[in-house]
Amino acid sequence: MVQVYLACSKEETKMQYKELASIVATKLSSLGFNLVSKVFDSGMVFKSIMTFKYEGKAVIGVNDVNDAEYIDDSELYDSIVTKNTFERTKEILRMSDLIIILPGGIGTLAELFSIIEEIRTKKINKKVILFNYKNYFSDILKFIIKAHDEGFISEADIKLISIVNEIDTLNDYLERMER
């Protein structure tokens, strides 16, 4: 079973972001991926879960103890409850073959940088795709480039993240991936 983590927001966002989550989830499920996900009843996360379930794919829920009630209310293939968000992120990384970062808030950014740090320091071979949809992450990417230019981030660290800007580019990347 090939599994993907789709990092995105649980908050109620603009419809375009929920539609984006659904489009990406539909593509991933059509390629045979199953979903590892936080479980919530709103936002892009909920839209992703519902799309994978609609497409007949397995959804494995990973929540921290503070959000365990959402897992109890969901029909999932499997679920795990961790002590805290740090442990949740580590479990998600362990279980996922691919991580895709969609637009999101503080939690999504925390996951992005935590996952990159784990991959960097533990030499874990996982693919991370940052989907810079409508230039959502452009300011963060500028920060990363500045940190590189100032000597804080190595070229090798930057290469741990694949950046795509368009849905067609993401689709091409996913179709070329070895599974």
Foldseek 3Di string as FASTA:
>chain_A
DAEEEEAAAQDADPVVQLVVLLVVLLLCVVVPYAYEYAFDCGDNRNSSVVNCVVSVGFYEHEEEPVPVVRVVPDDGPYYDYHPDLLVSLVVNLVPHQEYEQEDHDPSSVVSVVSSLVCCVPVVDDHAYEYACEVNRCVVVVVVVVVCVVVPNDDPVSVVSYHYHHDPVVVSVVVVPDDD
